[in-house]
Amino acid sequence: MTSAASAAPSGSSALQVPGYRTFLLTFMLAMMADNIEHVISYWVAFQKFHSAALGGFAVVSHWLPFLVFSVPVGALNDRFDSRRLIQAGMVLFIIASVGWGYFFVTDSLQVWHAMVLLTIHGCAGVLWSTSSQMLLYDIVGPGSLASAVRLNATARYLGILVGPGVGSIIMRTLGPTWGIFVNTVFYLPLLLWLVRAPYGRHFRGVTPGPKRPVRGLADIIQTLRDVRELPVVAGMVMLAGAASFFIGNSYHAQMPGFAHDLGHGDPGLTYTLLLGADAAGALLAGILLETNRGWLRTTPASALRLALLWGGALFTFSLMRAYPVAILVLFLAGFVELSFSSMTQALVQLNAPDTIRGRVLGLFSMSASGLRAFSGVTVGLLGSITNIHMSLAVSALAFMMVAGLLLLRRRKQAA
């Protein structure tokens, strides 16, 4: 059996791998469905309960499972077929959508029902996200891995952009009840393709390492010890964790306030344009970096410098009072965010030992996604004490300090 590593020449585009093209398309549909479900379920829950607490729980239930379960899910990937774990995630997504639909039809939705469904959705995200990264390596191999990670990140941004729009159209056309049922169809292509997709470590003929039991907290501690011996992986996990903890995407939730303070026309319109600038920058980065793959080398130093630029762009945005300049700064922020975040993930993938790859990717997911549960505190709570401009500025500076220290340490190690 030909290994994934030989599926494409080194440094080539992942799009040259037929299996990856199918994976990317089905991944994008699932990402779109994920965001459509958010649009419909959040809207109905808000109309029924008008509960700020439930809205807060929706954020926590989305990210907290990544913090708690990412490493255990990674450990499962070291022992079992990643395809089946992704399919389990898709099934949980479908259960959540069907559950919402049932309560919409019967008009019996209660707060605790919504909390259970939101938690199921969050757990589905962990199974899907961590296992997809594991399978990605098996589909394209190390030669095209940086390209595949970058394209997946671009697809994620595209899903975030397209999903809400499609969700709104479906809800207006079919209503929330039929809309949430129709949404389950978008999860099916990935679920069905993975039934016989010829990918996984057993297809590569890789001899698995010793089968360590899945032990929860003990797994996290042991994986941290293992990663300490891998300087590149350790540095990228710390960088992703700092970005997630101090900033995450919590400034998106504060964007209506920034739009209002910029005082440019209707706050709703300025809010949409500000978010659009951030996403547009990320999409352009994905396109340019994929079509000009020699432009930015995938190295730890490049990732750290780009991370510093991201922190600097957000710090600058926090001080902006001119709306057109704020748009440009956010565009730059989106560009460098996709660039450094996809680079960190690719470096972790490339440097993770194959015998514990799942656990290492789980630790990275826990750091990059799970710690976002706390970014609402660093940006949101601090913003309520001071103001949103000060909170984002302080959070950006704290992140830049971490990235700067990591860069200095990297230079000392290279000297």
Protein backbone atom coordinates (compact mmCIF):
# COMPACT_ATOMS: atom_id res chain seq x y z
CA MET A 1 0.00 0.00 0.00
CA THR A 2 1.41 3.40 -1.00
CA SER A 3 2.02 5.61 2.01
CA ALA A 4 0.33 8.94 2.36
CA ALA A 5 3.71 10.58 2.44
CA SER A 6 4.25 9.64 -1.19
CA ALA A 7 0.80 10.73 -2.33
CA ALA A 8 2.16 14.07 -3.48
CA PRO A 9 5.63 15.52 -3.99
CA SER A 10 7.17 17.51 -1.16
CA GLY A 11 5.85 21.06 -0.90
CA SER A 12 3.05 20.42 -3.41
CA SER A 13 -0.56 21.50 -3.09
CA ALA A 14 -2.81 19.14 -1.18
CA LEU A 15 -5.38 19.70 -3.93
CA GLN A 16 -3.29 17.37 -6.11
CA VAL A 17 -4.35 14.50 -3.85
CA PRO A 18 -7.80 13.29 -5.06
CA GLY A 19 -8.81 12.01 -1.62
CA TYR A 20 -8.03 15.35 -0.05
CA ARG A 21 -10.25 17.19 -2.52
CA THR A 22 -13.19 15.04 -1.41
CA PHE A 23 -12.25 15.48 2.24
CA LEU A 24 -12.05 19.26 1.86
CA LEU A 25 -15.45 19.52 0.17
CA THR A 26 -17.20 17.35 2.74
CA PHE A 27 -15.36 19.14 5.57
CA MET A 28 -16.60 22.48 4.24
CA LEU A 29 -20.20 21.23 4.08
CA ALA A 30 -19.98 19.99 7.67
CA MET A 31 -18.48 23.30 8.80
CA MET A 32 -21.31 25.15 7.05
CA ALA A 33 -23.88 22.89 8.73
CA ASP A 34 -22.27 23.54 12.11
CA ASN A 35 -22.76 27.29 11.64
CA ILE A 36 -26.28 26.91 10.20
CA GLU A 37 -27.30 25.02 13.34
CA HIS A 38 -25.91 27.85 15.47
CA VAL A 39 -27.93 30.43 13.54
CA ILE A 40 -31.23 28.56 13.80
CA SER A 41 -30.93 27.16 17.33
CA TYR A 42 -29.58 30.38 18.86
CA TRP A 43 -32.34 32.43 17.23
CA VAL A 44 -35.15 30.16 18.43
CA ALA A 45 -33.67 29.86 21.93
CA PHE A 46 -33.32 33.65 22.17
CA GLN A 47 -36.88 34.23 20.99
CA LYS A 48 -38.23 31.72 23.50
CA PHE A 49 -36.17 32.49 26.60
CA HIS A 50 -34.41 35.86 26.10
CA SER A 51 -31.76 34.44 28.42
CA ALA A 52 -28.29 36.00 28.52
CA ALA A 53 -27.23 33.13 30.78
CA LEU A 54 -28.17 30.58 28.12
CA GLY A 55 -26.20 32.59 25.55
CA GLY A 56 -23.19 32.46 27.84
CA PHE A 57 -23.66 28.72 28.33
CA ALA A 58 -23.69 28.30 24.54
CA VAL A 59 -20.15 29.74 24.36
CA VAL A 60 -18.88 27.67 27.31
CA SER A 61 -20.47 24.45 26.04
CA HIS A 62 -18.84 25.00 22.65
CA TRP A 63 -15.25 25.36 23.95
CA LEU A 64 -15.16 23.58 27.31
CA PRO A 65 -15.39 20.08 25.75
CA PHE A 66 -12.20 20.90 23.81
CA LEU A 67 -10.48 21.70 27.09
CA VAL A 68 -11.66 18.52 28.83
CA PHE A 69 -11.82 15.91 26.07
CA SER A 70 -9.28 16.84 23.37
CA VAL A 71 -6.41 14.74 24.75
CA PRO A 72 -8.63 11.72 25.53
CA VAL A 73 -10.05 11.93 21.99
CA GLY A 74 -6.49 12.15 20.67
CA ALA A 75 -5.65 9.03 22.70
CA LEU A 76 -8.61 7.25 21.11
CA ASN A 77 -7.17 8.19 17.71
CA ASP A 78 -3.90 6.48 18.68
CA ARG A 79 -5.83 3.26 19.30
CA PHE A 80 -8.81 3.29 16.94
CA ASP A 81 -9.78 4.24 13.40
CA SER A 82 -9.96 8.04 13.04
CA ARG A 83 -12.62 7.68 10.36
CA ARG A 84 -15.02 6.10 12.82
CA LEU A 85 -14.40 8.79 15.43
CA ILE A 86 -15.18 11.50 12.86
CA GLN A 87 -18.34 9.61 11.93
CA ALA A 88 -19.30 9.49 15.62
CA GLY A 89 -18.92 13.27 15.66
CA MET A 90 -21.18 13.62 12.63
CA VAL A 91 -23.79 11.38 14.28
CA LEU A 92 -23.74 13.58 17.39
CA PHE A 93 -24.17 16.68 15.20
CA ILE A 94 -27.19 15.04 13.53
CA ILE A 95 -28.64 14.01 16.91
CA ALA A 96 -28.33 17.61 18.11
CA SER A 97 -30.07 18.99 15.01
CA VAL A 98 -32.84 16.38 15.15
CA GLY A 99 -33.22 17.09 18.87
CA TRP A 100 -33.70 20.80 18.22
CA GLY A 101 -36.20 19.92 15.48
CA TYR A 102 -38.20 17.67 17.79
CA PHE A 103 -38.55 20.35 20.44
CA PHE A 104 -39.44 22.94 17.77
CA VAL A 105 -42.20 20.70 16.37
CA THR A 106 -43.66 19.89 19.79
CA ASP A 107 -43.08 23.43 21.12
CA SER A 108 -41.72 21.84 24.30
CA LEU A 109 -38.22 23.31 24.42
CA GLN A 110 -37.03 24.06 27.94
CA VAL A 111 -33.77 25.62 29.09
CA TRP A 112 -32.33 22.31 30.25
CA HIS A 113 -33.19 20.73 26.89
CA ALA A 114 -31.23 23.48 25.14
CA MET A 115 -28.28 23.00 27.51
CA VAL A 116 -28.15 19.26 26.80
CA LEU A 117 -28.30 19.80 23.03
CA LEU A 118 -25.61 22.49 23.17
CA THR A 119 -23.37 20.13 25.14
CA ILE A 120 -23.91 17.32 22.62
CA HIS A 121 -22.98 19.75 19.85
CA GLY A 122 -19.79 20.75 21.70
CA CYS A 123 -18.75 17.12 22.20
CA ALA A 124 -19.38 16.44 18.51
CA GLY A 125 -16.99 19.27 17.67
CA VAL A 126 -14.17 17.69 19.70
CA LEU A 127 -14.58 14.29 18.04
CA TRP A 128 -14.68 15.87 14.60
CA SER A 129 -11.92 18.47 14.95
CA THR A 130 -9.19 16.41 16.65
CA SER A 131 -9.84 13.26 14.61
CA SER A 132 -9.90 15.25 11.34
CA GLN A 133 -6.41 16.54 12.03
CA MET A 134 -5.26 12.99 12.66
CA LEU A 135 -6.77 11.75 9.40
CA LEU A 136 -5.42 14.74 7.48
CA TYR A 137 -1.85 13.52 7.92
CA ASP A 138 -2.83 10.11 6.59
CA ILE A 139 -4.54 11.58 3.53
CA VAL A 140 -1.79 13.93 2.29
CA GLY A 141 1.36 12.96 4.18
CA PRO A 142 4.12 15.35 5.30
CA GLY A 143 4.90 16.65 1.79
CA SER A 144 1.56 18.44 1.39
CA LEU A 145 0.62 18.80 5.04
CA ALA A 146 1.23 22.56 5.34
CA SER A 147 -0.94 23.11 2.25
CA ALA A 148 -3.71 20.86 3.62
CA VAL A 149 -3.77 22.56 7.03
CA ARG A 150 -3.89 25.97 5.36
CA LEU A 151 -6.71 24.94 3.02
CA ASN A 152 -8.68 23.47 5.92
CA ALA A 153 -8.28 26.72 7.85
CA THR A 154 -9.46 28.66 4.80
CA ALA A 155 -12.45 26.32 4.45
CA ARG A 156 -13.25 26.91 8.12
CA TYR A 157 -13.36 30.67 7.57
CA LEU A 158 -15.44 30.17 4.44
CA GLY A 159 -17.88 28.01 6.41
CA ILE A 160 -18.10 30.68 9.11
CA LEU A 161 -18.83 33.29 6.44
CA VAL A 162 -21.25 31.25 4.34
CA GLY A 163 -22.98 29.27 7.12
CA PRO A 164 -24.86 32.16 8.76
CA GLY A 165 -26.02 33.48 5.38
CA VAL A 166 -27.25 30.07 4.23
CA GLY A 167 -28.82 29.50 7.65
CA SER A 168 -30.73 32.77 7.41
CA ILE A 169 -31.97 31.91 3.91
CA ILE A 170 -33.07 28.42 5.00
CA MET A 171 -34.81 29.80 8.08
CA ARG A 172 -36.66 32.47 6.09
CA THR A 173 -37.60 30.01 3.33
CA LEU A 174 -38.46 26.87 5.29
CA GLY A 175 -38.82 28.18 8.82
CA PRO A 176 -36.63 27.12 11.75
CA THR A 177 -38.28 23.72 12.22
CA TRP A 178 -37.88 22.37 8.69
CA GLY A 179 -34.63 24.29 8.36
CA ILE A 180 -32.98 22.47 11.26
CA PHE A 181 -34.09 19.09 9.83
CA VAL A 182 -32.78 19.97 6.34
CA ASN A 183 -29.47 20.98 7.92
CA THR A 184 -28.77 17.36 8.89
CA VAL A 185 -28.31 16.56 5.18
CA PHE A 186 -25.10 18.62 5.04
CA TYR A 187 -23.42 16.30 7.56
CA LEU A 188 -24.13 13.19 5.49
CA PRO A 189 -21.50 13.52 2.69
CA LEU A 190 -18.58 13.33 5.15
CA LEU A 191 -20.29 10.61 7.18
CA LEU A 192 -20.91 8.45 4.10
CA TRP A 193 -17.55 9.09 2.37
CA LEU A 194 -15.68 7.91 5.45
CA VAL A 195 -17.41 4.52 5.37
CA ARG A 196 -14.87 3.27 2.82
CA ALA A 197 -12.34 6.09 2.46
CA PRO A 198 -8.94 4.32 2.11
CA TYR A 199 -7.09 6.36 4.72
CA GLY A 200 -5.75 5.78 8.20
CA ARG A 201 -2.53 4.57 9.77
CA HIS A 202 -3.40 0.93 9.05
CA PHE A 203 -3.55 1.79 5.32
CA ARG A 204 -0.06 3.32 5.59
CA GLY A 205 1.24 0.11 7.14
CA VAL A 206 2.48 1.98 10.22
CA THR A 207 3.32 -0.22 13.17
CA PRO A 208 1.37 1.22 16.12
CA GLY A 209 3.15 2.02 19.34
CA PRO A 210 2.32 0.42 22.68
CA LYS A 211 -1.41 0.67 23.36
CA ARG A 212 -1.66 3.01 26.31
CA PRO A 213 -5.04 3.09 28.05
CA VAL A 214 -7.13 6.24 27.79
CA ARG A 215 -6.79 7.74 31.28
CA GLY A 216 -8.16 11.29 31.17
CA LEU A 217 -6.10 13.64 33.36
CA ALA A 218 -3.20 11.20 33.54
CA ASP A 219 -3.07 11.25 29.72
CA ILE A 220 -2.86 15.04 29.69
CA ILE A 221 -0.01 15.04 32.22
CA GLN A 222 1.92 12.32 30.39
CA THR A 223 1.45 14.04 27.02
CA LEU A 224 2.74 17.30 28.51
CA ARG A 225 5.84 15.42 29.67
CA ASP A 226 6.29 13.89 26.22
CA VAL A 227 5.89 17.26 24.49
CA ARG A 228 8.52 18.89 26.73
CA GLU A 229 11.07 16.74 24.89
CA LEU A 230 9.91 18.15 21.54
CA PRO A 231 10.95 21.86 21.48
CA VAL A 232 9.14 22.80 18.27
CA VAL A 233 5.89 21.13 19.35
CA ALA A 234 6.09 22.59 22.85
CA GLY A 235 6.66 26.10 21.50
CA MET A 236 3.76 25.92 19.06
CA VAL A 237 1.39 24.49 21.69
CA MET A 238 2.33 27.36 24.03
CA LEU A 239 1.86 29.92 21.25
CA ALA A 240 -1.56 28.56 20.27
CA GLY A 241 -2.58 28.39 23.92
CA ALA A 242 -1.55 32.01 24.57
CA ALA A 243 -3.51 33.19 21.52
CA SER A 244 -6.54 31.20 22.67
CA PHE A 245 -6.35 32.21 26.34
CA PHE A 246 -5.64 35.91 26.00
CA ILE A 247 -7.60 36.71 22.83
CA GLY A 248 -9.31 33.77 21.14
CA ASN A 249 -12.22 35.09 19.08
CA SER A 250 -13.83 36.92 22.01
CA TYR A 251 -13.22 40.29 20.38
CA HIS A 252 -15.76 39.24 17.73
CA ALA A 253 -18.46 39.29 20.42
CA GLN A 254 -17.37 42.84 21.33
CA MET A 255 -17.52 44.03 17.71
CA PRO A 256 -20.92 45.78 18.03
CA GLY A 257 -19.38 47.92 20.76
CA PHE A 258 -16.35 48.75 18.62
CA ALA A 259 -18.65 49.60 15.70
CA HIS A 260 -20.68 51.91 17.91
CA ASP A 261 -17.57 53.65 19.25
CA LEU A 262 -16.22 54.15 15.73
CA GLY A 263 -19.41 56.12 15.06
CA HIS A 264 -19.63 55.40 11.35
CA GLY A 265 -23.23 55.09 10.18
CA ASP A 266 -25.51 52.32 11.36
CA PRO A 267 -23.86 50.18 14.07
CA GLY A 268 -25.32 47.00 12.56
CA LEU A 269 -23.73 47.71 9.19
CA THR A 270 -20.36 48.68 10.65
CA TYR A 271 -20.41 45.57 12.80
CA THR A 272 -20.95 43.38 9.74
CA LEU A 273 -18.21 45.12 7.77
CA LEU A 274 -15.70 44.86 10.61
CA LEU A 275 -16.24 41.12 10.96
CA GLY A 276 -16.17 40.80 7.18
CA ALA A 277 -12.79 42.55 7.00
CA ASP A 278 -11.27 40.08 9.47
CA ALA A 279 -12.64 37.07 7.59
CA ALA A 280 -11.74 38.52 4.17
CA GLY A 281 -8.13 38.97 5.27
CA ALA A 282 -8.00 35.34 6.36
CA LEU A 283 -9.47 34.13 3.06
CA LEU A 284 -6.98 36.18 1.05
CA ALA A 285 -4.13 34.73 3.13
CA GLY A 286 -5.33 31.21 2.40
CA ILE A 287 -5.51 31.90 -1.34
CA LEU A 288 -2.17 33.71 -1.61
CA LEU A 289 -0.24 31.28 0.56
CA GLU A 290 -1.64 28.34 -1.35
CA THR A 291 -0.88 29.79 -4.80
CA ASN A 292 2.55 31.08 -3.70
CA ARG A 293 3.73 28.31 -1.40
CA GLY A 294 7.35 29.50 -1.38
CA TRP A 295 6.38 32.93 -0.10
CA LEU A 296 6.35 32.07 3.63
CA ARG A 297 8.38 29.15 4.91
CA THR A 298 6.73 26.94 7.49
CA THR A 299 9.17 27.45 10.37
CA PRO A 300 8.76 28.20 14.09
CA ALA A 301 10.42 31.59 13.65
CA SER A 302 7.99 32.55 10.87
CA ALA A 303 5.01 31.49 12.98
CA LEU A 304 6.23 33.52 15.96
CA ARG A 305 6.87 36.66 13.89
CA LEU A 306 3.43 36.41 12.30
CA ALA A 307 1.92 35.93 15.75
CA LEU A 308 3.60 39.13 16.91
CA LEU A 309 2.13 40.94 13.90
CA TRP A 310 -1.33 39.61 14.80
CA GLY A 311 -1.04 40.84 18.35
CA GLY A 312 0.23 44.19 17.11
CA ALA A 313 -2.65 44.52 14.64
CA LEU A 314 -5.25 43.85 17.35
CA PHE A 315 -3.51 46.24 19.74
CA THR A 316 -3.63 48.90 17.03
CA PHE A 317 -7.30 48.15 16.32
CA SER A 318 -8.15 48.54 20.01
CA LEU A 319 -6.90 52.16 19.83
CA MET A 320 -8.53 53.03 16.50
CA ARG A 321 -10.95 55.91 16.20
CA ALA A 322 -10.96 56.13 12.38
CA TYR A 323 -13.34 53.63 10.81
CA PRO A 324 -11.57 53.17 7.41
CA VAL A 325 -8.23 52.54 9.14
CA ALA A 326 -9.91 50.10 11.53
CA ILE A 327 -11.16 48.12 8.52
CA LEU A 328 -7.63 47.91 7.08
CA VAL A 329 -6.11 46.89 10.41
CA LEU A 330 -8.67 44.12 10.90
CA PHE A 331 -8.05 42.91 7.36
CA LEU A 332 -4.34 42.63 8.22
CA ALA A 333 -5.22 40.89 11.50
CA GLY A 334 -7.26 38.26 9.67
CA PHE A 335 -4.47 37.76 7.12
CA VAL A 336 -1.73 37.10 9.69
CA GLU A 337 -4.01 35.10 11.99
CA LEU A 338 -4.72 32.46 9.38
CA SER A 339 -1.05 32.49 8.36
CA PHE A 340 0.40 31.85 11.82
CA SER A 341 -2.38 29.59 13.14
CA SER A 342 -2.20 27.23 10.16
CA MET A 343 1.60 27.27 10.40
CA THR A 344 1.61 26.33 14.09
CA GLN A 345 -0.74 23.43 13.45
CA ALA A 346 1.32 22.16 10.51
CA LEU A 347 4.51 22.30 12.60
CA VAL A 348 2.88 20.29 15.38
CA GLN A 349 1.68 17.72 12.85
CA LEU A 350 5.09 17.44 11.19
CA ASN A 351 7.01 17.06 14.45
CA ALA A 352 4.62 14.81 16.40
CA PRO A 353 5.91 11.24 16.87
CA ASP A 354 3.65 8.84 15.01
CA THR A 355 3.16 6.57 18.02
CA ILE A 356 1.56 9.37 20.08
CA ARG A 357 0.38 11.62 17.25
CA GLY A 358 -3.24 11.54 18.39
CA ARG A 359 -2.40 12.58 21.94
CA VAL A 360 -0.13 15.39 20.73
CA LEU A 361 -2.78 16.69 18.34
CA GLY A 362 -5.31 16.42 21.16
CA LEU A 363 -3.05 18.52 23.40
CA PHE A 364 -2.71 21.10 20.62
CA SER A 365 -6.50 21.17 20.17
CA MET A 366 -6.98 21.55 23.92
CA SER A 367 -4.58 24.49 23.90
CA ALA A 368 -5.73 26.15 20.67
CA SER A 369 -9.48 25.67 21.16
CA GLY A 370 -10.20 24.67 24.75
CA LEU A 371 -8.53 27.69 26.32
CA ARG A 372 -10.91 29.92 24.36
CA ALA A 373 -13.37 29.26 27.16
CA PHE A 374 -11.23 31.67 29.23
CA SER A 375 -10.75 34.40 26.61
CA GLY A 376 -14.19 35.69 27.52
CA VAL A 377 -12.72 36.49 30.93
CA THR A 378 -9.55 38.15 29.66
CA VAL A 379 -11.35 40.29 27.08
CA GLY A 380 -14.98 40.30 28.23
CA LEU A 381 -14.73 40.56 32.01
CA LEU A 382 -11.80 42.97 31.89
CA GLY A 383 -13.82 45.01 29.40
CA SER A 384 -16.70 45.29 31.84
CA ILE A 385 -14.31 46.58 34.51
CA THR A 386 -12.51 49.07 32.24
CA ASN A 387 -13.72 49.25 28.61
CA ILE A 388 -13.52 47.01 25.56
CA HIS A 389 -10.68 49.04 24.03
CA MET A 390 -8.50 48.74 27.12
CA SER A 391 -9.27 45.05 27.62
CA LEU A 392 -8.34 44.14 24.03
CA ALA A 393 -5.19 46.27 24.22
CA VAL A 394 -4.03 44.62 27.45
CA SER A 395 -4.88 41.12 26.14
CA ALA A 396 -3.01 41.76 22.88
CA LEU A 397 0.06 43.05 24.77
CA ALA A 398 0.05 39.99 27.06
CA PHE A 399 -0.06 37.71 24.02
CA MET A 400 2.75 39.63 22.32
CA MET A 401 4.91 39.23 25.44
CA VAL A 402 4.47 35.46 25.31
CA ALA A 403 5.18 35.32 21.56
CA GLY A 404 8.23 37.59 22.01
CA LEU A 405 9.65 35.43 24.81
CA LEU A 406 9.14 32.29 22.70
CA LEU A 407 10.93 33.95 19.79
CA LEU A 408 13.86 34.96 22.02
CA ARG A 409 14.09 31.42 23.39
CA ARG A 410 14.01 30.05 19.86
CA ARG A 411 16.92 32.29 18.85
CA LYS A 412 18.96 31.21 21.88
CA GLN A 413 18.35 27.56 21.03
CA ALA A 414 19.43 28.17 17.44
CA ALA A 415 22.58 30.09 18.48
